[in-house]
N, C-alpha and C. Protein backbone atom coordinates (compact mmCIF):
# COMPACT_ATOMS: atom_id res chain seq x y z
N UNK A 1 -95.90 -93.88 -37.73
CA UNK A 1 -94.88 -92.99 -38.26
C UNK A 1 -94.02 -92.48 -37.11
N UNK A 2 -92.70 -92.62 -37.26
CA UNK A 2 -91.76 -92.16 -36.24
C UNK A 2 -90.77 -91.21 -36.89
N UNK A 3 -90.45 -90.16 -36.17
CA UNK A 3 -89.44 -89.21 -36.64
C UNK A 3 -88.40 -88.98 -35.57
N UNK A 4 -87.15 -88.83 -36.00
CA UNK A 4 -86.06 -88.41 -35.13
C UNK A 4 -85.56 -87.08 -35.66
N UNK A 5 -85.56 -86.07 -34.81
CA UNK A 5 -85.14 -84.73 -35.23
C UNK A 5 -83.95 -84.30 -34.39
N UNK A 6 -82.84 -84.04 -35.07
CA UNK A 6 -81.61 -83.63 -34.39
C UNK A 6 -81.48 -82.12 -34.40
N UNK A 7 -80.75 -81.61 -33.43
CA UNK A 7 -80.43 -80.19 -33.38
C UNK A 7 -79.13 -80.01 -32.62
N UNK A 8 -78.53 -78.83 -32.77
CA UNK A 8 -77.36 -78.49 -31.97
C UNK A 8 -76.04 -78.50 -32.70
N UNK A 9 -76.04 -78.90 -33.97
CA UNK A 9 -74.78 -78.87 -34.71
C UNK A 9 -74.35 -77.45 -35.01
N UNK A 10 -73.15 -77.32 -35.59
CA UNK A 10 -72.67 -75.99 -35.96
C UNK A 10 -71.18 -75.96 -36.13
N UNK A 11 -70.65 -74.74 -36.16
CA UNK A 11 -69.22 -74.50 -36.33
C UNK A 11 -68.62 -74.07 -35.00
N UNK A 12 -67.52 -74.71 -34.61
CA UNK A 12 -66.87 -74.39 -33.35
C UNK A 12 -65.37 -74.49 -33.53
N UNK A 13 -64.64 -73.74 -32.74
CA UNK A 13 -63.18 -73.80 -32.80
C UNK A 13 -62.66 -75.02 -32.05
N UNK A 14 -61.48 -75.46 -32.43
CA UNK A 14 -60.84 -76.57 -31.75
C UNK A 14 -60.75 -76.28 -30.26
N UNK A 15 -61.12 -77.29 -29.46
CA UNK A 15 -61.15 -77.14 -28.01
C UNK A 15 -62.50 -76.72 -27.46
N UNK A 16 -63.40 -76.35 -28.35
CA UNK A 16 -64.72 -75.90 -27.94
C UNK A 16 -65.67 -77.04 -27.65
N UNK A 17 -66.92 -76.67 -27.38
CA UNK A 17 -67.95 -77.64 -27.02
C UNK A 17 -69.22 -77.41 -27.82
N UNK A 18 -69.95 -78.49 -28.01
CA UNK A 18 -71.29 -78.46 -28.60
C UNK A 18 -72.14 -79.52 -27.92
N UNK A 19 -73.44 -79.29 -27.91
CA UNK A 19 -74.37 -80.28 -27.38
C UNK A 19 -75.41 -80.59 -28.44
N UNK A 20 -75.47 -81.85 -28.84
CA UNK A 20 -76.46 -82.31 -29.80
C UNK A 20 -77.67 -82.89 -29.06
N UNK A 21 -78.83 -82.68 -29.64
CA UNK A 21 -80.07 -83.26 -29.11
C UNK A 21 -80.78 -84.01 -30.23
N UNK A 22 -81.52 -85.03 -29.86
CA UNK A 22 -82.31 -85.78 -30.83
C UNK A 22 -83.61 -86.20 -30.15
N UNK A 23 -84.71 -85.71 -30.67
CA UNK A 23 -86.02 -86.01 -30.09
C UNK A 23 -86.80 -86.94 -31.01
N UNK A 24 -87.32 -88.00 -30.44
CA UNK A 24 -88.15 -88.94 -31.20
C UNK A 24 -89.62 -88.62 -30.97
N UNK A 25 -90.40 -88.72 -32.03
CA UNK A 25 -91.83 -88.46 -31.92
C UNK A 25 -92.60 -89.39 -32.85
N UNK A 26 -93.90 -89.51 -32.58
CA UNK A 26 -94.74 -90.35 -33.42
C UNK A 26 -95.40 -91.45 -32.62
N UNK A 27 -95.72 -92.53 -33.30
CA UNK A 27 -96.45 -93.65 -32.70
C UNK A 27 -95.50 -94.58 -31.96
N UNK A 28 -94.98 -94.09 -30.84
CA UNK A 28 -93.93 -94.80 -30.09
C UNK A 28 -94.53 -95.53 -28.90
N UNK A 29 -94.20 -96.83 -28.83
CA UNK A 29 -94.57 -97.60 -27.65
C UNK A 29 -93.41 -97.65 -26.67
N UNK A 30 -92.20 -97.92 -27.20
CA UNK A 30 -91.03 -98.06 -26.33
C UNK A 30 -89.78 -97.76 -27.14
N UNK A 31 -88.85 -97.03 -26.53
CA UNK A 31 -87.54 -96.80 -27.15
C UNK A 31 -86.50 -97.60 -26.39
N UNK A 32 -85.83 -98.48 -27.07
CA UNK A 32 -84.78 -99.27 -26.47
C UNK A 32 -83.46 -98.50 -26.53
N UNK A 33 -82.45 -99.06 -27.18
CA UNK A 33 -81.17 -98.36 -27.27
C UNK A 33 -81.24 -97.13 -28.15
N UNK A 34 -80.45 -96.13 -27.82
CA UNK A 34 -80.31 -94.93 -28.63
C UNK A 34 -78.82 -94.66 -28.82
N UNK A 35 -78.49 -93.92 -29.86
CA UNK A 35 -77.07 -93.68 -30.09
C UNK A 35 -76.80 -92.58 -31.08
N UNK A 36 -75.53 -92.27 -31.19
CA UNK A 36 -75.03 -91.29 -32.15
C UNK A 36 -73.96 -91.94 -33.02
N UNK A 37 -74.04 -91.65 -34.30
CA UNK A 37 -73.06 -92.09 -35.28
C UNK A 37 -72.61 -90.87 -36.06
N UNK A 38 -71.49 -91.00 -36.76
CA UNK A 38 -71.04 -89.88 -37.59
C UNK A 38 -70.39 -90.39 -38.87
N UNK A 39 -70.41 -89.51 -39.87
CA UNK A 39 -69.77 -89.81 -41.15
C UNK A 39 -68.99 -88.59 -41.59
N UNK A 40 -67.69 -88.76 -41.64
CA UNK A 40 -66.82 -87.70 -42.14
C UNK A 40 -66.67 -87.85 -43.66
N UNK A 41 -66.35 -86.78 -44.37
CA UNK A 41 -66.21 -86.87 -45.83
C UNK A 41 -65.22 -87.95 -46.23
N UNK A 42 -65.67 -88.83 -47.13
CA UNK A 42 -64.81 -89.89 -47.63
C UNK A 42 -64.70 -91.10 -46.73
N UNK A 43 -65.39 -91.05 -45.59
CA UNK A 43 -65.30 -92.17 -44.64
C UNK A 43 -66.64 -92.89 -44.51
N UNK A 44 -66.58 -94.08 -43.91
CA UNK A 44 -67.79 -94.82 -43.60
C UNK A 44 -68.43 -94.22 -42.34
N UNK A 45 -69.72 -94.49 -42.17
CA UNK A 45 -70.37 -94.06 -40.94
C UNK A 45 -69.80 -94.89 -39.78
N UNK A 46 -69.52 -94.23 -38.67
CA UNK A 46 -68.95 -94.91 -37.52
C UNK A 46 -69.72 -94.60 -36.25
N UNK A 47 -69.67 -95.54 -35.32
CA UNK A 47 -70.33 -95.36 -34.04
C UNK A 47 -69.57 -94.34 -33.21
N UNK A 48 -70.33 -93.46 -32.57
CA UNK A 48 -69.75 -92.50 -31.63
C UNK A 48 -70.05 -92.94 -30.20
N UNK A 49 -71.33 -93.14 -29.91
CA UNK A 49 -71.73 -93.53 -28.56
C UNK A 49 -73.13 -94.12 -28.61
N UNK A 50 -73.38 -95.05 -27.70
CA UNK A 50 -74.72 -95.61 -27.55
C UNK A 50 -75.10 -95.61 -26.07
N UNK A 51 -76.40 -95.71 -25.82
CA UNK A 51 -76.88 -95.75 -24.44
C UNK A 51 -78.12 -96.63 -24.38
N UNK A 52 -78.16 -97.50 -23.39
CA UNK A 52 -79.32 -98.36 -23.21
C UNK A 52 -80.45 -97.58 -22.54
N UNK A 53 -81.61 -98.19 -22.53
CA UNK A 53 -82.74 -97.54 -21.87
C UNK A 53 -82.43 -97.32 -20.39
N UNK A 54 -81.66 -98.21 -19.81
CA UNK A 54 -81.32 -98.08 -18.40
C UNK A 54 -80.15 -97.14 -18.13
N UNK A 55 -79.54 -96.60 -19.20
CA UNK A 55 -78.50 -95.59 -19.00
C UNK A 55 -77.07 -96.09 -19.10
N UNK A 56 -76.87 -97.31 -19.56
CA UNK A 56 -75.51 -97.82 -19.73
C UNK A 56 -74.96 -97.30 -21.06
N UNK A 57 -73.82 -96.63 -20.98
CA UNK A 57 -73.25 -95.97 -22.15
C UNK A 57 -72.04 -96.72 -22.67
N UNK A 58 -71.83 -96.57 -23.96
CA UNK A 58 -70.67 -97.16 -24.64
C UNK A 58 -70.13 -96.12 -25.60
N UNK A 59 -68.79 -96.00 -25.67
CA UNK A 59 -68.18 -94.96 -26.49
C UNK A 59 -67.12 -95.52 -27.43
N UNK A 60 -66.96 -94.87 -28.56
CA UNK A 60 -65.81 -95.15 -29.41
C UNK A 60 -64.56 -94.67 -28.69
N UNK A 61 -63.46 -95.36 -28.90
CA UNK A 61 -62.22 -94.99 -28.23
C UNK A 61 -61.82 -93.55 -28.54
N UNK A 62 -62.12 -93.10 -29.73
CA UNK A 62 -61.69 -91.77 -30.17
C UNK A 62 -62.38 -90.63 -29.43
N UNK A 63 -63.50 -90.93 -28.76
CA UNK A 63 -64.23 -89.86 -28.07
C UNK A 63 -64.30 -90.06 -26.56
N UNK A 64 -63.78 -91.17 -26.07
CA UNK A 64 -63.84 -91.43 -24.62
C UNK A 64 -63.16 -90.33 -23.85
N UNK A 65 -63.82 -89.88 -22.79
CA UNK A 65 -63.27 -88.82 -21.96
C UNK A 65 -63.59 -87.42 -22.45
N UNK A 66 -64.12 -87.31 -23.67
CA UNK A 66 -64.45 -86.00 -24.23
C UNK A 66 -65.95 -85.84 -24.47
N UNK A 67 -66.60 -86.92 -24.87
CA UNK A 67 -68.03 -86.89 -25.18
C UNK A 67 -68.82 -87.62 -24.09
N UNK A 68 -70.03 -87.15 -23.84
CA UNK A 68 -70.93 -87.81 -22.90
C UNK A 68 -72.31 -87.95 -23.52
N UNK A 69 -72.81 -89.17 -23.55
CA UNK A 69 -74.15 -89.43 -24.05
C UNK A 69 -75.10 -89.57 -22.87
N UNK A 70 -76.30 -89.04 -23.02
CA UNK A 70 -77.32 -89.16 -21.98
C UNK A 70 -78.69 -89.19 -22.65
N UNK A 71 -79.71 -89.53 -21.88
CA UNK A 71 -81.05 -89.58 -22.44
C UNK A 71 -82.08 -89.23 -21.39
N UNK A 72 -83.21 -88.74 -21.87
CA UNK A 72 -84.35 -88.44 -21.02
C UNK A 72 -85.51 -89.28 -21.55
N UNK A 73 -85.81 -90.38 -20.88
CA UNK A 73 -86.84 -91.29 -21.38
C UNK A 73 -88.22 -90.64 -21.41
N UNK A 74 -88.48 -89.75 -20.49
CA UNK A 74 -89.78 -89.08 -20.45
C UNK A 74 -89.98 -88.18 -21.67
N UNK A 75 -88.88 -87.67 -22.20
CA UNK A 75 -88.95 -86.77 -23.36
C UNK A 75 -88.59 -87.48 -24.67
N UNK A 76 -88.29 -88.77 -24.60
CA UNK A 76 -87.87 -89.52 -25.80
C UNK A 76 -86.71 -88.82 -26.51
N UNK A 77 -85.76 -88.37 -25.72
CA UNK A 77 -84.67 -87.55 -26.26
C UNK A 77 -83.32 -88.10 -25.81
N UNK A 78 -82.36 -88.06 -26.73
CA UNK A 78 -80.99 -88.44 -26.43
C UNK A 78 -80.10 -87.24 -26.72
N UNK A 79 -79.05 -87.09 -25.92
CA UNK A 79 -78.14 -85.96 -26.02
C UNK A 79 -76.72 -86.46 -26.22
N UNK A 80 -75.90 -85.58 -26.80
CA UNK A 80 -74.47 -85.85 -26.90
C UNK A 80 -73.73 -84.57 -26.57
N UNK A 81 -73.11 -84.55 -25.40
CA UNK A 81 -72.29 -83.41 -24.99
C UNK A 81 -70.88 -83.66 -25.50
N UNK A 82 -70.40 -82.75 -26.32
CA UNK A 82 -69.08 -82.91 -26.94
C UNK A 82 -68.16 -81.80 -26.45
N UNK A 83 -67.13 -82.18 -25.73
CA UNK A 83 -66.15 -81.23 -25.21
C UNK A 83 -64.78 -81.49 -25.84
N UNK A 84 -63.90 -80.51 -25.70
CA UNK A 84 -62.53 -80.64 -26.24
C UNK A 84 -62.55 -81.11 -27.69
N UNK A 85 -63.38 -80.47 -28.48
CA UNK A 85 -63.55 -80.89 -29.87
C UNK A 85 -62.27 -80.69 -30.67
N UNK A 86 -62.06 -81.61 -31.62
CA UNK A 86 -60.89 -81.59 -32.48
C UNK A 86 -61.33 -81.51 -33.94
N UNK A 87 -60.48 -81.01 -34.81
CA UNK A 87 -60.85 -80.96 -36.24
C UNK A 87 -61.27 -82.32 -36.79
N UNK A 88 -60.69 -83.39 -36.29
CA UNK A 88 -61.06 -84.72 -36.78
C UNK A 88 -62.45 -85.17 -36.32
N UNK A 89 -63.09 -84.39 -35.45
CA UNK A 89 -64.48 -84.68 -35.08
C UNK A 89 -65.47 -84.12 -36.11
N UNK A 90 -64.96 -83.38 -37.07
CA UNK A 90 -65.82 -82.82 -38.10
C UNK A 90 -66.52 -83.92 -38.88
N UNK A 91 -67.84 -83.86 -38.93
CA UNK A 91 -68.63 -84.90 -39.59
C UNK A 91 -70.10 -84.52 -39.54
N UNK A 92 -70.90 -85.29 -40.25
CA UNK A 92 -72.35 -85.24 -40.06
C UNK A 92 -72.69 -86.26 -38.99
N UNK A 93 -73.39 -85.81 -37.97
CA UNK A 93 -73.75 -86.67 -36.85
C UNK A 93 -75.21 -87.11 -36.98
N UNK A 94 -75.42 -88.41 -36.84
CA UNK A 94 -76.74 -89.01 -36.99
C UNK A 94 -77.20 -89.64 -35.68
N UNK A 95 -78.45 -89.40 -35.38
CA UNK A 95 -79.09 -90.03 -34.23
C UNK A 95 -79.72 -91.35 -34.67
N UNK A 96 -79.67 -92.34 -33.79
CA UNK A 96 -80.27 -93.64 -34.06
C UNK A 96 -81.06 -94.09 -32.84
N UNK A 97 -82.17 -94.76 -33.08
CA UNK A 97 -82.96 -95.29 -31.97
C UNK A 97 -83.66 -96.57 -32.40
N UNK A 98 -83.67 -97.53 -31.51
CA UNK A 98 -84.42 -98.77 -31.73
C UNK A 98 -85.77 -98.61 -31.06
N UNK A 99 -86.83 -98.61 -31.87
CA UNK A 99 -88.15 -98.20 -31.38
C UNK A 99 -89.20 -99.26 -31.70
N UNK A 100 -90.02 -99.53 -30.71
CA UNK A 100 -91.21 -100.36 -30.92
C UNK A 100 -92.40 -99.42 -31.07
N UNK A 101 -93.11 -99.57 -32.17
CA UNK A 101 -94.23 -98.69 -32.44
C UNK A 101 -95.53 -99.28 -31.91
N UNK A 102 -96.52 -98.42 -31.80
CA UNK A 102 -97.84 -98.87 -31.37
C UNK A 102 -98.58 -99.54 -32.53
N UNK A 103 -99.71 -100.10 -32.25
CA UNK A 103 -100.63 -100.74 -33.20
C UNK A 103 -100.04 -102.03 -33.77
N UNK A 104 -98.96 -101.94 -34.54
CA UNK A 104 -98.35 -103.14 -35.13
C UNK A 104 -97.35 -103.80 -34.19
N UNK A 105 -96.82 -103.00 -33.23
CA UNK A 105 -95.79 -103.47 -32.28
C UNK A 105 -94.51 -103.90 -32.99
N UNK A 106 -94.31 -103.44 -34.20
CA UNK A 106 -93.05 -103.70 -34.90
C UNK A 106 -91.91 -102.95 -34.20
N UNK A 107 -90.72 -103.54 -34.29
CA UNK A 107 -89.54 -102.93 -33.67
C UNK A 107 -88.47 -102.75 -34.74
N UNK A 108 -87.97 -101.52 -34.90
CA UNK A 108 -87.01 -101.24 -35.96
C UNK A 108 -86.04 -100.16 -35.52
N UNK A 109 -84.96 -100.03 -36.28
CA UNK A 109 -84.03 -98.93 -36.09
C UNK A 109 -84.47 -97.74 -36.94
N UNK A 110 -84.43 -96.58 -36.33
CA UNK A 110 -84.77 -95.33 -37.02
C UNK A 110 -83.58 -94.39 -36.97
N UNK A 111 -83.50 -93.52 -37.98
CA UNK A 111 -82.38 -92.59 -38.09
C UNK A 111 -82.88 -91.16 -38.27
N UNK A 112 -82.12 -90.24 -37.71
CA UNK A 112 -82.39 -88.84 -37.96
C UNK A 112 -81.79 -88.41 -39.29
N UNK A 113 -82.02 -87.15 -39.63
CA UNK A 113 -81.58 -86.64 -40.92
C UNK A 113 -80.11 -86.21 -40.91
N UNK A 114 -79.54 -86.10 -39.74
CA UNK A 114 -78.14 -85.70 -39.62
C UNK A 114 -77.99 -84.22 -39.34
N UNK A 115 -76.95 -83.90 -38.57
CA UNK A 115 -76.63 -82.51 -38.28
C UNK A 115 -75.12 -82.33 -38.44
N UNK A 116 -74.72 -81.25 -39.09
CA UNK A 116 -73.31 -81.02 -39.39
C UNK A 116 -72.59 -80.43 -38.19
N UNK A 117 -71.45 -81.02 -37.87
CA UNK A 117 -70.54 -80.48 -36.86
C UNK A 117 -69.21 -80.20 -37.55
N UNK A 118 -68.77 -78.96 -37.47
CA UNK A 118 -67.50 -78.57 -38.09
C UNK A 118 -66.62 -77.95 -37.03
N UNK A 119 -65.42 -78.50 -36.89
CA UNK A 119 -64.46 -78.00 -35.90
C UNK A 119 -63.27 -77.40 -36.65
N UNK A 120 -63.05 -76.12 -36.45
CA UNK A 120 -61.96 -75.43 -37.14
C UNK A 120 -60.70 -75.46 -36.27
N UNK A 121 -59.57 -75.50 -36.93
CA UNK A 121 -58.29 -75.56 -36.20
C UNK A 121 -57.76 -74.17 -35.91
């Protein structure tokens, strides 16, 4: 059993900052890539940023230069520092991780429950 638990969402004014965290727990053998996705009302879920186990990051064009993804492998945690937030960043943000579990050694993608980020103008 693996769980991803997100925290750090909330309401912020345009131009403000928030930091999201996502901690993975359970029967984890290895966490490969981790990432953040978001879904705004009426839209499809979209990639925000991903990071490899070795720390190579990839960003959506819409957040480049404003958001920074990082991870702490010892804590099985991924972070998303969001600066210069805009109203169009308003969405539910989801954490994702590709995890190999113990015992069965199966490898799958896991998702968090989502955390709401609302940016007011």
